[in-house]
Amino acid sequence: MHEPDDAAEPFKAEYAEERFAELTQFLFARTDPLLLTRPHGSETDRALQALNDVVRALLGQARAFREWGNEPALAGTWDALTRIAAPWRQHPDFLPDWEWD
């Protein structure tokens, strides 16, 4: 089993756990109200639940990658979350740091 190297460089600030939490809270703030009012068993219900599950899984993945010291994988997870958030880029709570080209 690989032990984390104490001499390893810290992750870039953009991959801090707080930034992932902030982004996922933004996403949950968009989806949770819809989940509470969705017609159960509908296609919309399944799509919203799937989106919510993906965001939760990506957040868990980010925590594991951070613990393992895998910055490239962490960057990929960040990219996936920012792409999920992109449709809300006009929302006033959307942060410019979440933009991607």
N, C-alpha and C. Protein backbone atom coordinates (compact mmCIF):
# COMPACT_ATOMS: atom_id res chain seq x y z
N MET A 1 0.84 -1.19 0.00
CA MET A 1 0.00 0.00 0.00
C MET A 1 0.88 1.24 0.00
N HIS A 2 0.51 2.22 -0.78
CA HIS A 2 1.29 3.45 -0.90
C HIS A 2 0.98 4.38 0.27
N GLU A 3 2.03 4.81 0.93
CA GLU A 3 1.89 5.78 2.02
C GLU A 3 2.07 7.17 1.45
N PRO A 4 1.27 8.15 1.88
CA PRO A 4 1.46 9.51 1.38
C PRO A 4 2.85 10.02 1.72
N ASP A 5 3.45 10.74 0.82
CA ASP A 5 4.78 11.30 1.01
C ASP A 5 4.65 12.65 1.72
N ASP A 6 5.22 12.75 2.90
CA ASP A 6 5.12 13.99 3.67
C ASP A 6 5.81 15.15 2.96
N ALA A 7 6.76 14.85 2.07
CA ALA A 7 7.50 15.89 1.37
C ALA A 7 6.78 16.33 0.08
N ALA A 8 5.65 15.72 -0.23
CA ALA A 8 4.94 16.06 -1.46
C ALA A 8 4.48 17.51 -1.42
N GLU A 9 4.46 18.12 -2.62
CA GLU A 9 3.99 19.50 -2.71
C GLU A 9 2.50 19.55 -2.43
N PRO A 10 2.03 20.63 -1.81
CA PRO A 10 0.60 20.75 -1.57
C PRO A 10 -0.13 20.94 -2.90
N PHE A 11 -1.41 20.61 -2.90
CA PHE A 11 -2.23 20.79 -4.08
C PHE A 11 -2.37 22.27 -4.39
N LYS A 12 -2.65 22.55 -5.64
CA LYS A 12 -2.96 23.92 -6.02
C LYS A 12 -4.16 24.38 -5.21
N ALA A 13 -4.20 25.66 -4.91
CA ALA A 13 -5.29 26.20 -4.09
C ALA A 13 -6.65 25.94 -4.71
N GLU A 14 -6.72 25.87 -6.04
CA GLU A 14 -8.02 25.66 -6.68
C GLU A 14 -8.61 24.30 -6.36
N TYR A 15 -7.80 23.38 -5.87
CA TYR A 15 -8.31 22.04 -5.55
C TYR A 15 -8.52 21.84 -4.05
N ALA A 16 -8.59 22.92 -3.31
CA ALA A 16 -8.84 22.83 -1.87
C ALA A 16 -10.23 22.25 -1.62
N GLU A 17 -10.35 21.51 -0.56
CA GLU A 17 -11.63 20.88 -0.22
C GLU A 17 -12.75 21.91 -0.10
N GLU A 18 -12.42 23.09 0.42
CA GLU A 18 -13.44 24.13 0.60
C GLU A 18 -14.01 24.58 -0.75
N ARG A 19 -13.17 24.63 -1.77
CA ARG A 19 -13.65 25.04 -3.10
C ARG A 19 -14.57 23.99 -3.69
N PHE A 20 -14.23 22.71 -3.49
CA PHE A 20 -15.12 21.64 -3.96
C PHE A 20 -16.45 21.71 -3.22
N ALA A 21 -16.39 21.94 -1.91
CA ALA A 21 -17.62 22.04 -1.12
C ALA A 21 -18.47 23.21 -1.59
N GLU A 22 -17.84 24.34 -1.86
CA GLU A 22 -18.56 25.52 -2.33
C GLU A 22 -19.26 25.25 -3.67
N LEU A 23 -18.56 24.60 -4.58
CA LEU A 23 -19.13 24.30 -5.89
C LEU A 23 -20.27 23.30 -5.77
N THR A 24 -20.08 22.25 -4.97
CA THR A 24 -21.15 21.26 -4.84
C THR A 24 -22.35 21.85 -4.09
N GLN A 25 -22.12 22.74 -3.15
CA GLN A 25 -23.26 23.40 -2.48
C GLN A 25 -24.05 24.23 -3.48
N PHE A 26 -23.34 24.90 -4.39
CA PHE A 26 -24.01 25.65 -5.44
C PHE A 26 -24.89 24.71 -6.28
N LEU A 27 -24.32 23.57 -6.66
CA LEU A 27 -25.08 22.61 -7.47
C LEU A 27 -26.28 22.06 -6.71
N PHE A 28 -26.09 21.69 -5.45
CA PHE A 28 -27.21 21.17 -4.66
C PHE A 28 -28.28 22.23 -4.44
N ALA A 29 -27.89 23.48 -4.34
CA ALA A 29 -28.88 24.56 -4.19
C ALA A 29 -29.75 24.67 -5.45
N ARG A 30 -29.21 24.28 -6.60
CA ARG A 30 -30.00 24.29 -7.84
C ARG A 30 -30.89 23.06 -7.94
N THR A 31 -30.40 21.90 -7.49
CA THR A 31 -31.13 20.65 -7.70
C THR A 31 -32.05 20.25 -6.54
N ASP A 32 -31.68 20.57 -5.32
CA ASP A 32 -32.50 20.14 -4.18
C ASP A 32 -33.94 20.64 -4.24
N PRO A 33 -34.19 21.91 -4.56
CA PRO A 33 -35.60 22.35 -4.64
C PRO A 33 -36.38 21.57 -5.71
N LEU A 34 -35.71 21.24 -6.80
CA LEU A 34 -36.37 20.47 -7.85
C LEU A 34 -36.66 19.04 -7.40
N LEU A 35 -35.73 18.48 -6.65
CA LEU A 35 -35.92 17.12 -6.13
C LEU A 35 -37.11 17.06 -5.17
N LEU A 36 -37.30 18.12 -4.42
CA LEU A 36 -38.39 18.14 -3.44
C LEU A 36 -39.77 18.27 -4.09
N THR A 37 -39.81 18.81 -5.31
CA THR A 37 -41.10 19.05 -5.96
C THR A 37 -41.32 18.19 -7.20
N ARG A 38 -40.42 17.29 -7.49
CA ARG A 38 -40.52 16.50 -8.72
C ARG A 38 -41.66 15.47 -8.63
N PRO A 39 -42.23 15.14 -9.77
CA PRO A 39 -43.20 14.04 -9.78
C PRO A 39 -42.45 12.71 -9.67
N HIS A 40 -42.66 11.99 -8.61
CA HIS A 40 -41.94 10.73 -8.36
C HIS A 40 -42.22 9.72 -9.46
N GLY A 41 -41.15 9.05 -9.88
CA GLY A 41 -41.26 8.01 -10.88
C GLY A 41 -41.21 8.52 -12.31
N SER A 42 -41.15 9.82 -12.48
CA SER A 42 -41.11 10.39 -13.83
C SER A 42 -39.69 10.36 -14.37
N GLU A 43 -39.55 10.65 -15.64
CA GLU A 43 -38.23 10.76 -16.25
C GLU A 43 -37.45 11.90 -15.60
N THR A 44 -38.15 12.99 -15.28
CA THR A 44 -37.51 14.12 -14.61
C THR A 44 -36.99 13.70 -13.24
N ASP A 45 -37.77 12.92 -12.53
CA ASP A 45 -37.37 12.40 -11.23
C ASP A 45 -36.07 11.62 -11.35
N ARG A 46 -36.02 10.71 -12.30
CA ARG A 46 -34.82 9.89 -12.46
C ARG A 46 -33.62 10.73 -12.89
N ALA A 47 -33.83 11.69 -13.77
CA ALA A 47 -32.73 12.54 -14.24
C ALA A 47 -32.18 13.40 -13.10
N LEU A 48 -33.06 13.99 -12.31
CA LEU A 48 -32.62 14.82 -11.19
C LEU A 48 -31.88 13.99 -10.15
N GLN A 49 -32.40 12.80 -9.87
CA GLN A 49 -31.75 11.94 -8.89
C GLN A 49 -30.38 11.51 -9.40
N ALA A 50 -30.28 11.21 -10.69
CA ALA A 50 -28.99 10.82 -11.27
C ALA A 50 -27.99 11.96 -11.18
N LEU A 51 -28.43 13.18 -11.51
CA LEU A 51 -27.53 14.34 -11.42
C LEU A 51 -27.06 14.54 -9.98
N ASN A 52 -27.97 14.45 -9.04
CA ASN A 52 -27.63 14.60 -7.63
C ASN A 52 -26.63 13.53 -7.21
N ASP A 53 -26.85 12.30 -7.64
CA ASP A 53 -25.95 11.20 -7.30
C ASP A 53 -24.56 11.39 -7.90
N VAL A 54 -24.50 11.89 -9.13
CA VAL A 54 -23.21 12.13 -9.79
C VAL A 54 -22.42 13.19 -9.03
N VAL A 55 -23.08 14.26 -8.64
CA VAL A 55 -22.39 15.32 -7.90
C VAL A 55 -21.87 14.77 -6.57
N ARG A 56 -22.68 13.99 -5.86
CA ARG A 56 -22.22 13.40 -4.60
C ARG A 56 -21.04 12.46 -4.82
N ALA A 57 -21.11 11.65 -5.87
CA ALA A 57 -20.03 10.71 -6.16
C ALA A 57 -18.74 11.46 -6.51
N LEU A 58 -18.85 12.52 -7.29
CA LEU A 58 -17.66 13.30 -7.64
C LEU A 58 -17.05 13.97 -6.42
N LEU A 59 -17.87 14.43 -5.51
CA LEU A 59 -17.35 15.04 -4.28
C LEU A 59 -16.60 13.99 -3.46
N GLY A 60 -17.15 12.80 -3.35
CA GLY A 60 -16.47 11.71 -2.64
C GLY A 60 -15.17 11.31 -3.33
N GLN A 61 -15.21 11.28 -4.65
CA GLN A 61 -14.02 10.96 -5.43
C GLN A 61 -12.93 12.00 -5.19
N ALA A 62 -13.31 13.26 -5.15
CA ALA A 62 -12.33 14.33 -4.90
C ALA A 62 -11.67 14.14 -3.54
N ARG A 63 -12.45 13.77 -2.55
CA ARG A 63 -11.87 13.56 -1.21
C ARG A 63 -10.87 12.41 -1.24
N ALA A 64 -11.20 11.34 -1.95
CA ALA A 64 -10.29 10.20 -2.04
C ALA A 64 -9.02 10.58 -2.80
N PHE A 65 -9.16 11.28 -3.92
CA PHE A 65 -8.00 11.68 -4.70
C PHE A 65 -7.10 12.61 -3.89
N ARG A 66 -7.70 13.49 -3.10
CA ARG A 66 -6.91 14.40 -2.27
C ARG A 66 -6.14 13.59 -1.23
N GLU A 67 -6.79 12.62 -0.62
CA GLU A 67 -6.14 11.78 0.38
C GLU A 67 -5.00 10.97 -0.23
N TRP A 68 -5.18 10.52 -1.46
CA TRP A 68 -4.17 9.72 -2.13
C TRP A 68 -3.07 10.56 -2.77
N GLY A 69 -3.26 11.88 -2.78
CA GLY A 69 -2.26 12.75 -3.37
C GLY A 69 -2.26 12.72 -4.89
N ASN A 70 -3.39 12.43 -5.49
CA ASN A 70 -3.48 12.32 -6.95
C ASN A 70 -4.06 13.60 -7.54
N GLU A 71 -3.18 14.59 -7.75
CA GLU A 71 -3.65 15.88 -8.26
C GLU A 71 -4.22 15.81 -9.68
N PRO A 72 -3.65 15.04 -10.60
CA PRO A 72 -4.26 14.97 -11.94
C PRO A 72 -5.70 14.45 -11.90
N ALA A 73 -5.95 13.44 -11.09
CA ALA A 73 -7.32 12.92 -10.97
C ALA A 73 -8.22 13.94 -10.29
N LEU A 74 -7.68 14.64 -9.32
CA LEU A 74 -8.44 15.69 -8.63
C LEU A 74 -8.81 16.80 -9.61
N ALA A 75 -7.88 17.15 -10.49
CA ALA A 75 -8.15 18.17 -11.51
C ALA A 75 -9.26 17.71 -12.45
N GLY A 76 -9.25 16.44 -12.80
CA GLY A 76 -10.30 15.90 -13.66
C GLY A 76 -11.66 15.93 -12.99
N THR A 77 -11.69 15.68 -11.70
CA THR A 77 -12.94 15.73 -10.95
C THR A 77 -13.44 17.17 -10.87
N TRP A 78 -12.53 18.11 -10.65
CA TRP A 78 -12.90 19.53 -10.63
C TRP A 78 -13.50 19.92 -11.98
N ASP A 79 -12.87 19.49 -13.05
CA ASP A 79 -13.35 19.78 -14.39
C ASP A 79 -14.77 19.24 -14.59
N ALA A 80 -15.01 18.02 -14.15
CA ALA A 80 -16.34 17.43 -14.31
C ALA A 80 -17.39 18.25 -13.55
N LEU A 81 -17.08 18.65 -12.33
CA LEU A 81 -18.03 19.44 -11.55
C LEU A 81 -18.29 20.82 -12.16
N THR A 82 -17.23 21.46 -12.66
CA THR A 82 -17.45 22.78 -13.27
C THR A 82 -18.25 22.66 -14.56
N ARG A 83 -18.10 21.57 -15.27
CA ARG A 83 -18.90 21.36 -16.49
C ARG A 83 -20.37 21.12 -16.13
N ILE A 84 -20.62 20.45 -15.04
CA ILE A 84 -22.00 20.26 -14.60
C ILE A 84 -22.61 21.60 -14.22
N ALA A 85 -21.82 22.48 -13.61
CA ALA A 85 -22.31 23.79 -13.17
C ALA A 85 -22.47 24.78 -14.32
N ALA A 86 -21.81 24.54 -15.44
CA ALA A 86 -21.76 25.50 -16.54
C ALA A 86 -23.14 26.01 -17.01
N PRO A 87 -24.18 25.19 -17.07
CA PRO A 87 -25.47 25.73 -17.52
C PRO A 87 -26.01 26.85 -16.64
N TRP A 88 -25.49 26.97 -15.44
CA TRP A 88 -25.94 28.02 -14.51
C TRP A 88 -24.95 29.19 -14.46
N ARG A 89 -24.10 29.32 -15.46
CA ARG A 89 -23.05 30.37 -15.41
C ARG A 89 -23.63 31.77 -15.33
N GLN A 90 -24.88 31.97 -15.73
CA GLN A 90 -25.51 33.30 -15.64
C GLN A 90 -26.13 33.55 -14.27
N HIS A 91 -26.16 32.55 -13.41
CA HIS A 91 -26.72 32.69 -12.07
C HIS A 91 -25.83 33.62 -11.24
N PRO A 92 -26.42 34.50 -10.43
CA PRO A 92 -25.60 35.45 -9.66
C PRO A 92 -24.64 34.79 -8.67
N ASP A 93 -24.92 33.57 -8.24
CA ASP A 93 -24.03 32.89 -7.30
C ASP A 93 -22.93 32.07 -7.98
N PHE A 94 -22.95 32.02 -9.30
CA PHE A 94 -21.92 31.29 -10.04
C PHE A 94 -20.63 32.10 -9.98
N LEU A 95 -19.55 31.46 -9.57
CA LEU A 95 -18.27 32.15 -9.42
C LEU A 95 -17.45 32.08 -10.71
N PRO A 96 -16.77 33.16 -11.05
CA PRO A 96 -15.94 33.17 -12.26
C PRO A 96 -14.88 32.05 -12.27
N ASP A 97 -14.44 31.62 -11.12
CA ASP A 97 -13.43 30.55 -11.03
C ASP A 97 -13.95 29.22 -11.61
N TRP A 98 -15.25 29.11 -11.73
CA TRP A 98 -15.84 27.86 -12.21
C TRP A 98 -15.95 27.81 -13.73
N GLU A 99 -15.59 28.90 -14.40
CA GLU A 99 -15.65 28.94 -15.87
C GLU A 99 -14.58 28.03 -16.45
N TRP A 100 -14.84 27.51 -17.60
CA TRP A 100 -13.87 26.74 -18.34
C TRP A 100 -14.06 27.03 -19.82
N ASP A 101 -13.02 26.79 -20.56
CA ASP A 101 -13.07 27.06 -22.01
C ASP A 101 -13.51 25.83 -22.77
